[in-house]
PDB file of N, CA and C in Angstrom:
ATOM      1  N   MET A   1      43.456 110.731 106.407  1.00  0.00           N
ATOM      2  CA  MET A   1      43.167 112.143 106.525  1.00  0.00           C
ATOM      3  C   MET A   1      43.851 112.698 107.778  1.00  0.00           C
ATOM      4  N   GLU A   2      44.459 113.886 107.616  1.00  0.00           N
ATOM      5  CA  GLU A   2      45.179 114.529 108.716  1.00  0.00           C
ATOM      6  C   GLU A   2      44.201 115.313 109.585  1.00  0.00           C
ATOM      7  N   GLU A   3      44.294 115.154 110.896  1.00  0.00           N
ATOM      8  CA  GLU A   3      43.412 115.848 111.817  1.00  0.00           C
ATOM      9  C   GLU A   3      44.020 117.192 112.221  1.00  0.00           C
ATOM     10  N   LYS A   4      43.195 118.260 112.219  1.00  0.00           N
ATOM     11  CA  LYS A   4      43.652 119.595 112.609  1.00  0.00           C
ATOM     12  C   LYS A   4      43.697 119.686 114.128  1.00  0.00           C
ATOM     13  N   PRO A   5      44.677 120.422 114.655  1.00  0.00           N
ATOM     14  CA  PRO A   5      44.675 120.665 116.103  1.00  0.00           C
ATOM     15  C   PRO A   5      43.384 121.394 116.489  1.00  0.00           C
ATOM     16  N   LYS A   6      42.864 121.112 117.689  1.00  0.00           N
ATOM     17  CA  LYS A   6      41.582 121.676 118.115  1.00  0.00           C
ATOM     18  C   LYS A   6      41.603 123.199 118.252  1.00  0.00           C
ATOM     19  N   ASN A   7      42.737 123.788 118.574  1.00  0.00           N
ATOM     20  CA  ASN A   7      42.811 125.236 118.774  1.00  0.00           C
ATOM     21  C   ASN A   7      43.172 125.999 117.508  1.00  0.00           C
ATOM     22  N   GLN A   8      43.276 125.337 116.376  1.00  0.00           N
ATOM     23  CA  GLN A   8      43.642 126.003 115.129  1.00  0.00           C
ATOM     24  C   GLN A   8      42.430 126.713 114.533  1.00  0.00           C
ATOM     25  N   ILE A   9      42.632 127.934 114.072  1.00  0.00           N
ATOM     26  CA  ILE A   9      41.565 128.720 113.458  1.00  0.00           C
ATOM     27  C   ILE A   9      41.983 129.034 112.029  1.00  0.00           C
ATOM     28  N   ASN A  10      41.094 128.810 111.094  1.00  0.00           N
ATOM     29  CA  ASN A  10      41.332 129.212 109.716  1.00  0.00           C
ATOM     30  C   ASN A  10      40.876 130.659 109.567  1.00  0.00           C
ATOM     31  N   ILE A  11      41.787 131.530 109.149  1.00  0.00           N
ATOM     32  CA  ILE A  11      41.475 132.949 108.998  1.00  0.00           C
ATOM     33  C   ILE A  11      41.504 133.293 107.522  1.00  0.00           C
ATOM     34  N   GLU A  12      40.427 133.902 107.053  1.00  0.00           N
ATOM     35  CA  GLU A  12      40.340 134.297 105.651  1.00  0.00           C
ATOM     36  C   GLU A  12      40.699 135.770 105.524  1.00  0.00           C
ATOM     37  N   LEU A  13      41.571 136.093 104.584  1.00  0.00           N
ATOM     38  CA  LEU A  13      41.951 137.471 104.301  1.00  0.00           C
ATOM     39  C   LEU A  13      41.532 137.767 102.870  1.00  0.00           C
ATOM     40  N   THR A  14      40.478 138.561 102.716  1.00  0.00           N
ATOM     41  CA  THR A  14      39.988 138.873 101.376  1.00  0.00           C
ATOM     42  C   THR A  14      40.940 139.844 100.677  1.00  0.00           C
ATOM     43  N   ASP A  15      40.865 139.894  99.367  1.00  0.00           N
ATOM     44  CA  ASP A  15      41.706 140.813  98.596  1.00  0.00           C
ATOM     45  C   ASP A  15      41.438 142.261  98.996  1.00  0.00           C
ATOM     46  N   GLU A  16      40.182 142.575  99.275  1.00  0.00           N
ATOM     47  CA  GLU A  16      39.813 143.936  99.647  1.00  0.00           C
ATOM     48  C   GLU A  16      40.484 144.367 100.950  1.00  0.00           C
ATOM     49  N   VAL A  17      40.517 143.485 101.933  1.00  0.00           N
ATOM     50  CA  VAL A  17      41.100 143.793 103.236  1.00  0.00           C
ATOM     51  C   VAL A  17      42.622 143.693 103.194  1.00  0.00           C
ATOM     52  N   ALA A  18      43.154 142.822 102.344  1.00  0.00           N
ATOM     53  CA  ALA A  18      44.601 142.582 102.285  1.00  0.00           C
ATOM     54  C   ALA A  18      45.392 143.834 101.926  1.00  0.00           C
ATOM     55  N   GLY A  19      44.788 144.761 101.211  1.00  0.00           N
ATOM     56  CA  GLY A  19      45.478 145.994 100.830  1.00  0.00           C
ATOM     57  C   GLY A  19      45.732 146.917 102.002  1.00  0.00           C
ATOM     58  N   GLY A  20      44.979 146.739 103.090  1.00  0.00           N
ATOM     59  CA  GLY A  20      45.167 147.565 104.270  1.00  0.00           C
ATOM     60  C   GLY A  20      44.594 148.960 104.119  1.00  0.00           C
ATOM     61  N   VAL A  21      44.660 149.714 105.204  1.00  0.00           N
ATOM     62  CA  VAL A  21      44.183 151.088 105.252  1.00  0.00           C
ATOM     63  C   VAL A  21      45.276 151.907 105.920  1.00  0.00           C
ATOM     64  N   TYR A  22      45.673 153.021 105.306  1.00  0.00           N
ATOM     65  CA  TYR A  22      46.704 153.877 105.881  1.00  0.00           C
ATOM     66  C   TYR A  22      46.111 154.741 106.986  1.00  0.00           C
ATOM     67  N   SER A  23      46.826 154.840 108.094  1.00  0.00           N
ATOM     68  CA  SER A  23      46.402 155.690 109.202  1.00  0.00           C
ATOM     69  C   SER A  23      47.631 156.343 109.820  1.00  0.00           C
ATOM     70  N   ASN A  24      47.527 157.646 110.111  1.00  0.00           N
ATOM     71  CA  ASN A  24      48.611 158.326 110.813  1.00  0.00           C
ATOM     72  C   ASN A  24      48.115 159.002 112.094  1.00  0.00           C
ATOM     73  N   LEU A  25      46.911 158.595 112.518  1.00  0.00           N
ATOM     74  CA  LEU A  25      46.340 159.105 113.754  1.00  0.00           C
ATOM     75  C   LEU A  25      45.378 158.066 114.291  1.00  0.00           C
ATOM     76  N   ALA A  26      45.434 157.807 115.582  1.00  0.00           N
ATOM     77  CA  ALA A  26      44.472 156.909 116.220  1.00  0.00           C
ATOM     78  C   ALA A  26      43.815 157.647 117.362  1.00  0.00           C
ATOM     79  N   ILE A  27      42.505 157.534 117.436  1.00  0.00           N
ATOM     80  CA  ILE A  27      41.748 158.125 118.525  1.00  0.00           C
ATOM     81  C   ILE A  27      41.195 156.961 119.331  1.00  0.00           C
ATOM     82  N   ILE A  28      41.546 156.921 120.600  1.00  0.00           N
ATOM     83  CA  ILE A  28      41.166 155.796 121.439  1.00  0.00           C
ATOM     84  C   ILE A  28      40.260 156.290 122.558  1.00  0.00           C
ATOM     85  N   THR A  29      39.082 155.688 122.656  1.00  0.00           N
ATOM     86  CA  THR A  29      38.159 155.996 123.732  1.00  0.00           C
ATOM     87  C   THR A  29      37.736 154.679 124.383  1.00  0.00           C
ATOM     88  N   HIS A  30      37.164 154.782 125.567  1.00  0.00           N
ATOM     89  CA  HIS A  30      36.727 153.554 126.227  1.00  0.00           C
ATOM     90  C   HIS A  30      35.558 153.814 127.163  1.00  0.00           C
ATOM     91  N   SER A  31      34.861 152.731 127.434  1.00  0.00           N
ATOM     92  CA  SER A  31      33.789 152.713 128.425  1.00  0.00           C
ATOM     93  C   SER A  31      34.126 151.558 129.363  1.00  0.00           C
ATOM     94  N   PRO A  32      33.317 151.283 130.351  1.00  0.00           N
ATOM     95  CA  PRO A  32      33.625 150.143 131.223  1.00  0.00           C
ATOM     96  C   PRO A  32      33.655 148.798 130.485  1.00  0.00           C
ATOM     97  N   THR A  33      32.992 148.715 129.332  1.00  0.00           N
ATOM     98  CA  THR A  33      32.888 147.426 128.638  1.00  0.00           C
ATOM     99  C   THR A  33      33.560 147.359 127.277  1.00  0.00           C
ATOM    100  N   GLU A  34      34.003 148.494 126.728  1.00  0.00           N
ATOM    101  CA  GLU A  34      34.562 148.498 125.369  1.00  0.00           C
ATOM    102  C   GLU A  34      35.713 149.484 125.225  1.00  0.00           C
ATOM    103  N   PHE A  35      36.634 149.142 124.340  1.00  0.00           N
ATOM    104  CA  PHE A  35      37.644 150.068 123.839  1.00  0.00           C
ATOM    105  C   PHE A  35      37.299 150.318 122.378  1.00  0.00           C
ATOM    106  N   ILE A  36      37.337 151.568 121.969  1.00  0.00           N
ATOM    107  CA  ILE A  36      37.037 151.926 120.584  1.00  0.00           C
ATOM    108  C   ILE A  36      38.274 152.587 120.010  1.00  0.00           C
ATOM    109  N   LEU A  37      38.791 152.011 118.928  1.00  0.00           N
ATOM    110  CA  LEU A  37      39.971 152.539 118.255  1.00  0.00           C
ATOM    111  C   LEU A  37      39.543 153.046 116.889  1.00  0.00           C
ATOM    112  N   ASP A  38      39.628 154.352 116.686  1.00  0.00           N
ATOM    113  CA  ASP A  38      39.340 154.951 115.385  1.00  0.00           C
ATOM    114  C   ASP A  38      40.669 155.264 114.714  1.00  0.00           C
ATOM    115  N   PHE A  39      40.877 154.691 113.542  1.00  0.00           N
ATOM    116  CA  PHE A  39      42.093 154.932 112.769  1.00  0.00           C
ATOM    117  C   PHE A  39      41.773 155.957 111.693  1.00  0.00           C
ATOM    118  N   VAL A  40      42.547 157.047 111.710  1.00  0.00           N
ATOM    119  CA  VAL A  40      42.252 158.228 110.913  1.00  0.00           C
ATOM    120  C   VAL A  40      43.397 158.491 109.939  1.00  0.00           C
ATOM    121  N   SER A  41      43.059 159.004 108.767  1.00  0.00           N
ATOM    122  CA  SER A  41      44.049 159.464 107.807  1.00  0.00           C
ATOM    123  C   SER A  41      43.958 160.986 107.759  1.00  0.00           C
ATOM    124  N   MET A  42      45.040 161.626 108.201  1.00  0.00           N
ATOM    125  CA  MET A  42      45.090 163.081 108.279  1.00  0.00           C
ATOM    126  C   MET A  42      46.137 163.583 107.293  1.00  0.00           C
ATOM    127  N   MET A  43      45.748 164.440 106.372  1.00  0.00           N
ATOM    128  CA  MET A  43      46.689 164.964 105.388  1.00  0.00           C
ATOM    129  C   MET A  43      47.102 166.389 105.761  1.00  0.00           C
ATOM    130  N   PRO A  44      48.399 166.720 105.585  1.00  0.00           N
ATOM    131  CA  PRO A  44      48.877 168.063 105.932  1.00  0.00           C
ATOM    132  C   PRO A  44      48.089 169.148 105.206  1.00  0.00           C
ATOM    133  N   GLY A  45      47.670 170.152 105.957  1.00  0.00           N
ATOM    134  CA  GLY A  45      46.964 171.296 105.375  1.00  0.00           C
ATOM    135  C   GLY A  45      45.489 171.048 105.108  1.00  0.00           C
ATOM    136  N   ALA A  46      45.031 169.820 105.234  1.00  0.00           N
ATOM    137  CA  ALA A  46      43.623 169.535 104.986  1.00  0.00           C
ATOM    138  C   ALA A  46      42.811 169.931 106.230  1.00  0.00           C
ATOM    139  N   PRO A  47      41.670 170.591 106.023  1.00  0.00           N
ATOM    140  CA  PRO A  47      40.878 171.014 107.172  1.00  0.00           C
ATOM    141  C   PRO A  47      40.122 169.876 107.855  1.00  0.00           C
ATOM    142  N   LYS A  48      39.996 168.738 107.180  1.00  0.00           N
ATOM    143  CA  LYS A  48      39.240 167.608 107.720  1.00  0.00           C
ATOM    144  C   LYS A  48      40.076 166.346 107.681  1.00  0.00           C
ATOM    145  N   ALA A  49      39.825 165.464 108.625  1.00  0.00           N
ATOM    146  CA  ALA A  49      40.443 164.138 108.627  1.00  0.00           C
ATOM    147  C   ALA A  49      39.314 163.126 108.683  1.00  0.00           C
ATOM    148  N   LYS A  50      39.498 161.987 108.008  1.00  0.00           N
ATOM    149  CA  LYS A  50      38.443 160.989 107.962  1.00  0.00           C
ATOM    150  C   LYS A  50      38.823 159.737 108.726  1.00  0.00           C
ATOM    151  N   VAL A  51      37.850 159.204 109.471  1.00  0.00           N
ATOM    152  CA  VAL A  51      38.041 157.907 110.107  1.00  0.00           C
ATOM    153  C   VAL A  51      37.994 156.874 108.989  1.00  0.00           C
ATOM    154  N   LYS A  52      39.058 156.089 108.875  1.00  0.00           N
ATOM    155  CA  LYS A  52      39.153 155.073 107.828  1.00  0.00           C
ATOM    156  C   LYS A  52      38.720 153.708 108.324  1.00  0.00           C
ATOM    157  N   SER A  53      38.851 153.486 109.638  1.00  0.00           N
ATOM    158  CA  SER A  53      38.475 152.192 110.199  1.00  0.00           C
ATOM    159  C   SER A  53      38.198 152.356 111.686  1.00  0.00           C
ATOM    160  N   ARG A  54      37.207 151.628 112.179  1.00  0.00           N
ATOM    161  CA  ARG A  54      36.893 151.638 113.609  1.00  0.00           C
ATOM    162  C   ARG A  54      36.905 150.197 114.101  1.00  0.00           C
ATOM    163  N   ILE A  55      37.630 149.972 115.191  1.00  0.00           N
ATOM    164  CA  ILE A  55      37.687 148.663 115.825  1.00  0.00           C
ATOM    165  C   ILE A  55      37.122 148.804 117.234  1.00  0.00           C
ATOM    166  N   VAL A  56      36.183 147.944 117.586  1.00  0.00           N
ATOM    167  CA  VAL A  56      35.596 147.925 118.921  1.00  0.00           C
ATOM    168  C   VAL A  56      35.973 146.593 119.556  1.00  0.00           C
ATOM    169  N   MET A  57      36.536 146.645 120.762  1.00  0.00           N
ATOM    170  CA  MET A  57      36.944 145.408 121.428  1.00  0.00           C
ATOM    171  C   MET A  57      36.713 145.495 122.927  1.00  0.00           C
ATOM    172  N   THR A  58      36.733 144.340 123.574  1.00  0.00           N
ATOM    173  CA  THR A  58      36.584 144.289 125.029  1.00  0.00           C
ATOM    174  C   THR A  58      37.875 144.780 125.683  1.00  0.00           C
ATOM    175  N   PRO A  59      37.814 145.209 126.946  1.00  0.00           N
ATOM    176  CA  PRO A  59      39.037 145.599 127.650  1.00  0.00           C
ATOM    177  C   PRO A  59      40.071 144.457 127.677  1.00  0.00           C
ATOM    178  N   GLN A  60      39.617 143.227 127.803  1.00  0.00           N
ATOM    179  CA  GLN A  60      40.541 142.089 127.830  1.00  0.00           C
ATOM    180  C   GLN A  60      41.278 141.954 126.497  1.00  0.00           C
ATOM    181  N   HIS A  61      40.566 142.117 125.380  1.00  0.00           N
ATOM    182  CA  HIS A  61      41.225 142.042 124.077  1.00  0.00           C
ATOM    183  C   HIS A  61      42.138 143.247 123.837  1.00  0.00           C
ATOM    184  N   ALA A  62      41.746 144.416 124.358  1.00  0.00           N
ATOM    185  CA  ALA A  62      42.597 145.597 124.230  1.00  0.00           C
ATOM    186  C   ALA A  62      43.923 145.366 124.953  1.00  0.00           C
ATOM    187  N   LYS A  63      43.876 144.745 126.125  1.00  0.00           N
ATOM    188  CA  LYS A  63      45.099 144.467 126.875  1.00  0.00           C
ATOM    189  C   LYS A  63      45.971 143.453 126.140  1.00  0.00           C
ATOM    190  N   ARG A  64      45.361 142.440 125.547  1.00  0.00           N
ATOM    191  CA  ARG A  64      46.120 141.452 124.758  1.00  0.00           C
ATOM    192  C   ARG A  64      46.767 142.120 123.541  1.00  0.00           C
ATOM    193  N   LEU A  65      46.042 143.053 122.902  1.00  0.00           N
ATOM    194  CA  LEU A  65      46.593 143.788 121.765  1.00  0.00           C
ATOM    195  C   LEU A  65      47.785 144.632 122.213  1.00  0.00           C
ATOM    196  N   PHE A  66      47.647 145.307 123.359  1.00  0.00           N
ATOM    197  CA  PHE A  66      48.718 146.129 123.916  1.00  0.00           C
ATOM    198  C   PHE A  66      49.983 145.291 124.137  1.00  0.00           C
ATOM    199  N   LYS A  67      49.828 144.114 124.740  1.00  0.00           N
ATOM    200  CA  LYS A  67      50.969 143.233 124.992  1.00  0.00           C
ATOM    201  C   LYS A  67      51.580 142.730 123.680  1.00  0.00           C
ATOM    202  N   ALA A  68      50.740 142.324 122.749  1.00  0.00           N
ATOM    203  CA  ALA A  68      51.229 141.811 121.464  1.00  0.00           C
ATOM    204  C   ALA A  68      51.965 142.900 120.688  1.00  0.00           C
ATOM    205  N   LEU A  69      51.458 144.128 120.716  1.00  0.00           N
ATOM    206  CA  LEU A  69      52.120 145.234 120.023  1.00  0.00           C
ATOM    207  C   LEU A  69      53.482 145.517 120.652  1.00  0.00           C
ATOM    208  N   GLY A  70      53.550 145.502 121.995  1.00  0.00           N
ATOM    209  CA  GLY A  70      54.831 145.703 122.688  1.00  0.00           C
ATOM    210  C   GLY A  70      55.845 144.636 122.327  1.00  0.00           C
ATOM    211  N   GLU A  71      55.412 143.374 122.299  1.00  0.00           N
ATOM    212  CA  GLU A  71      56.310 142.271 121.929  1.00  0.00           C
ATOM    213  C   GLU A  71      56.812 142.436 120.498  1.00  0.00           C
ATOM    214  N   ASN A  72      55.926 142.821 119.587  1.00  0.00           N
ATOM    215  CA  ASN A  72      56.324 142.981 118.195  1.00  0.00           C
ATOM    216  C   ASN A  72      57.222 144.189 117.982  1.00  0.00           C
ATOM    217  N   LEU A  73      57.007 145.269 118.733  1.00  0.00           N
ATOM    218  CA  LEU A  73      57.915 146.415 118.650  1.00  0.00           C
ATOM    219  C   LEU A  73      59.315 146.027 119.121  1.00  0.00           C
ATOM    220  N   SER A  74      59.401 145.251 120.194  1.00  0.00           N
ATOM    221  CA  SER A  74      60.702 144.781 120.691  1.00  0.00           C
ATOM    222  C   SER A  74      61.407 143.921 119.649  1.00  0.00           C
ATOM    223  N   LYS A  75      60.670 143.010 119.028  1.00  0.00           N
ATOM    224  CA  LYS A  75      61.259 142.149 117.986  1.00  0.00           C
ATOM    225  C   LYS A  75      61.728 142.981 116.799  1.00  0.00           C
ATOM    226  N   TYR A  76      60.919 143.962 116.398  1.00  0.00           N
ATOM    227  CA  TYR A  76      61.274 144.834 115.277  1.00  0.00           C
ATOM    228  C   TYR A  76      62.571 145.580 115.576  1.00  0.00           C
ATOM    229  N   GLU A  77      62.646 146.190 116.778  1.00  0.00           N
ATOM    230  CA  GLU A  77      63.833 146.965 117.130  1.00  0.00           C
ATOM    231  C   GLU A  77      65.062 146.074 117.304  1.00  0.00           C
ATOM    232  N   SER A  78      64.879 144.833 117.724  1.00  0.00           N
ATOM    233  CA  SER A  78      66.007 143.902 117.809  1.00  0.00           C
ATOM    234  C   SER A  78      66.570 143.612 116.425  1.00  0.00           C
ATOM    235  N   GLN A  79      65.692 143.545 115.454  1.00  0.00           N
ATOM    236  CA  GLN A  79      66.112 143.222 114.088  1.00  0.00           C
ATOM    237  C   GLN A  79      66.587 144.443 113.308  1.00  0.00           C
ATOM    238  N   PHE A  80      65.898 145.581 113.464  1.00  0.00           N
ATOM    239  CA  PHE A  80      66.168 146.742 112.614  1.00  0.00           C
ATOM    240  C   PHE A  80      66.746 147.940 113.355  1.00  0.00           C
ATOM    241  N   GLY A  81      66.851 147.875 114.671  1.00  0.00           N
ATOM    242  CA  GLY A  81      67.361 148.993 115.449  1.00  0.00           C
ATOM    243  C   GLY A  81      66.229 149.839 115.995  1.00  0.00           C
ATOM    244  N   PRO A  82      66.572 150.779 116.874  1.00  0.00           N
ATOM    245  CA  PRO A  82      65.550 151.607 117.524  1.00  0.00           C
ATOM    246  C   PRO A  82      64.727 152.407 116.517  1.00  0.00           C
ATOM    247  N   ILE A  83      63.457 152.530 116.822  1.00  0.00           N
ATOM    248  CA  ILE A  83      62.569 153.350 116.000  1.00  0.00           C
ATOM    249  C   ILE A  83      62.728 154.787 116.467  1.00  0.00           C
ATOM    250  N   LYS A  84      63.064 155.667 115.540  1.00  0.00           N
ATOM    251  CA  LYS A  84      63.262 157.075 115.866  1.00  0.00           C
ATOM    252  C   LYS A  84      61.905 157.742 116.046  1.00  0.00           C
ATOM    253  N   GLU A  85      61.729 158.377 117.191  1.00  0.00           N
ATOM    254  CA  GLU A  85      60.483 159.099 117.433  1.00  0.00           C
ATOM    255  C   GLU A  85      60.591 160.496 116.841  1.00  0.00           C
ATOM    256  N   VAL A  86      59.534 160.923 116.150  1.00  0.00           N
ATOM    257  CA  VAL A  86      59.494 162.235 115.524  1.00  0.00           C
ATOM    258  C   VAL A  86      58.936 163.215 116.539  1.00  0.00           C
ATOM    259  N   SER A  87      59.473 164.438 116.558  1.00  0.00           N
ATOM    260  CA  SER A  87      59.023 165.426 117.544  1.00  0.00           C
ATOM    261  C   SER A  87      57.542 165.729 117.375  1.00  0.00           C
ATOM    262  N   GLY A  88      56.896 166.091 118.466  1.00  0.00           N
ATOM    263  CA  GLY A  88      55.467 166.380 118.477  1.00  0.00           C
ATOM    264  C   GLY A  88      55.043 167.486 117.541  1.00  0.00           C
ATOM    265  N   GLU A  89      55.956 168.393 117.229  1.00  0.00           N
ATOM    266  CA  GLU A  89      55.608 169.497 116.340  1.00  0.00           C
ATOM    267  C   GLU A  89      55.404 169.019 114.913  1.00  0.00           C
ATOM    268  N   MET A  90      56.083 167.939 114.540  1.00  0.00           N
ATOM    269  CA  MET A  90      56.002 167.459 113.164  1.00  0.00           C
ATOM    270  C   MET A  90      54.862 166.469 112.946  1.00  0.00           C
ATOM    271  N   MET A  91      54.415 165.833 114.020  1.00  0.00           N
ATOM    272  CA  MET A  91      53.399 164.794 113.883  1.00  0.00           C
ATOM    273  C   MET A  91      52.217 165.086 114.794  1.00  0.00           C
ATOM    274  N   PRO A  92      51.007 164.704 114.346  1.00  0.00           N
ATOM    275  CA  PRO A  92      49.860 164.854 115.242  1.00  0.00           C
ATOM    276  C   PRO A  92      49.950 163.834 116.361  1.00  0.00           C
ATOM    277  N   PRO A  93      49.258 164.061 117.473  1.00  0.00           N
ATOM    278  CA  PRO A  93      49.271 163.060 118.538  1.00  0.00           C
ATOM    279  C   PRO A  93      48.661 161.765 118.026  1.00  0.00           C
ATOM    280  N   PHE A  94      49.091 160.627 118.558  1.00  0.00           N
ATOM    281  CA  PHE A  94      48.556 159.369 118.064  1.00  0.00           C
ATOM    282  C   PHE A  94      47.396 158.869 118.897  1.00  0.00           C
ATOM    283  N   THR A  95      47.167 159.415 120.071  1.00  0.00           N
ATOM    284  CA  THR A  95      45.973 159.032 120.814  1.00  0.00           C
ATOM    285  C   THR A  95      45.381 160.268 121.446  1.00  0.00           C
ATOM    286  N   MET A  96      44.095 160.302 121.474  1.00  0.00           N
ATOM    287  CA  MET A  96      43.374 161.395 122.101  1.00  0.00           C
ATOM    288  C   MET A  96      42.195 160.786 122.834  1.00  0.00           C
ATOM    289  N   SER A  97      41.596 161.533 123.693  1.00  0.00           N
ATOM    290  CA  SER A  97      40.380 161.076 124.359  1.00  0.00           C
ATOM    291  C   SER A  97      39.301 162.134 124.159  1.00  0.00           C
ATOM    292  N   PRO A  98      38.675 162.132 122.975  1.00  0.00           N
ATOM    293  CA  PRO A  98      37.645 163.144 122.719  1.00  0.00           C
ATOM    294  C   PRO A  98      36.374 162.825 123.495  1.00  0.00           C
ATOM    295  N   LYS A  99      35.535 163.817 123.642  1.00  0.00           N
ATOM    296  CA  LYS A  99      34.225 163.585 124.257  1.00  0.00           C
ATOM    297  C   LYS A  99      33.382 162.818 123.240  1.00  0.00           C
ATOM    298  N   ALA A 100      32.603 161.881 123.736  1.00  0.00           N
ATOM    299  CA  ALA A 100      31.764 161.064 122.851  1.00  0.00           C
ATOM    300  C   ALA A 100      30.774 161.946 122.109  1.00  0.00           C
ATOM    301  N   GLN A 101      30.567 161.609 120.857  1.00  0.00           N
ATOM    302  CA  GLN A 101      29.597 162.335 120.032  1.00  0.00           C
ATOM    303  C   GLN A 101      28.662 161.334 119.401  1.00  0.00           C
ATOM    304  N   ALA A 102      27.414 161.714 119.232  1.00  0.00           N
ATOM    305  CA  ALA A 102      26.453 160.811 118.595  1.00  0.00           C
ATOM    306  C   ALA A 102      26.310 161.165 117.136  1.00  0.00           C
TER     307      ALA A 102
END
């Protein structure tokens, strides 16, 4: 029998989650102990936008995510070329800091 490395984690991806969720807006808020990322789907001309997914993480995990995203953006641009940024008039902001609501 083959022994698994001690640091290996088996990750399950269900069919429901594998399809993903589309988001074109992220609202990021934080407290001293948590970062909250709300992923929103906003449709042109629609008066309302819905939060499709909320991720809550520690500041340490948020920093690791930030670094990992930067590394992956660099790899992507090395392979496919620079990502063209769309002007602010055409796209909603991708991060905001709204006042907390209950």
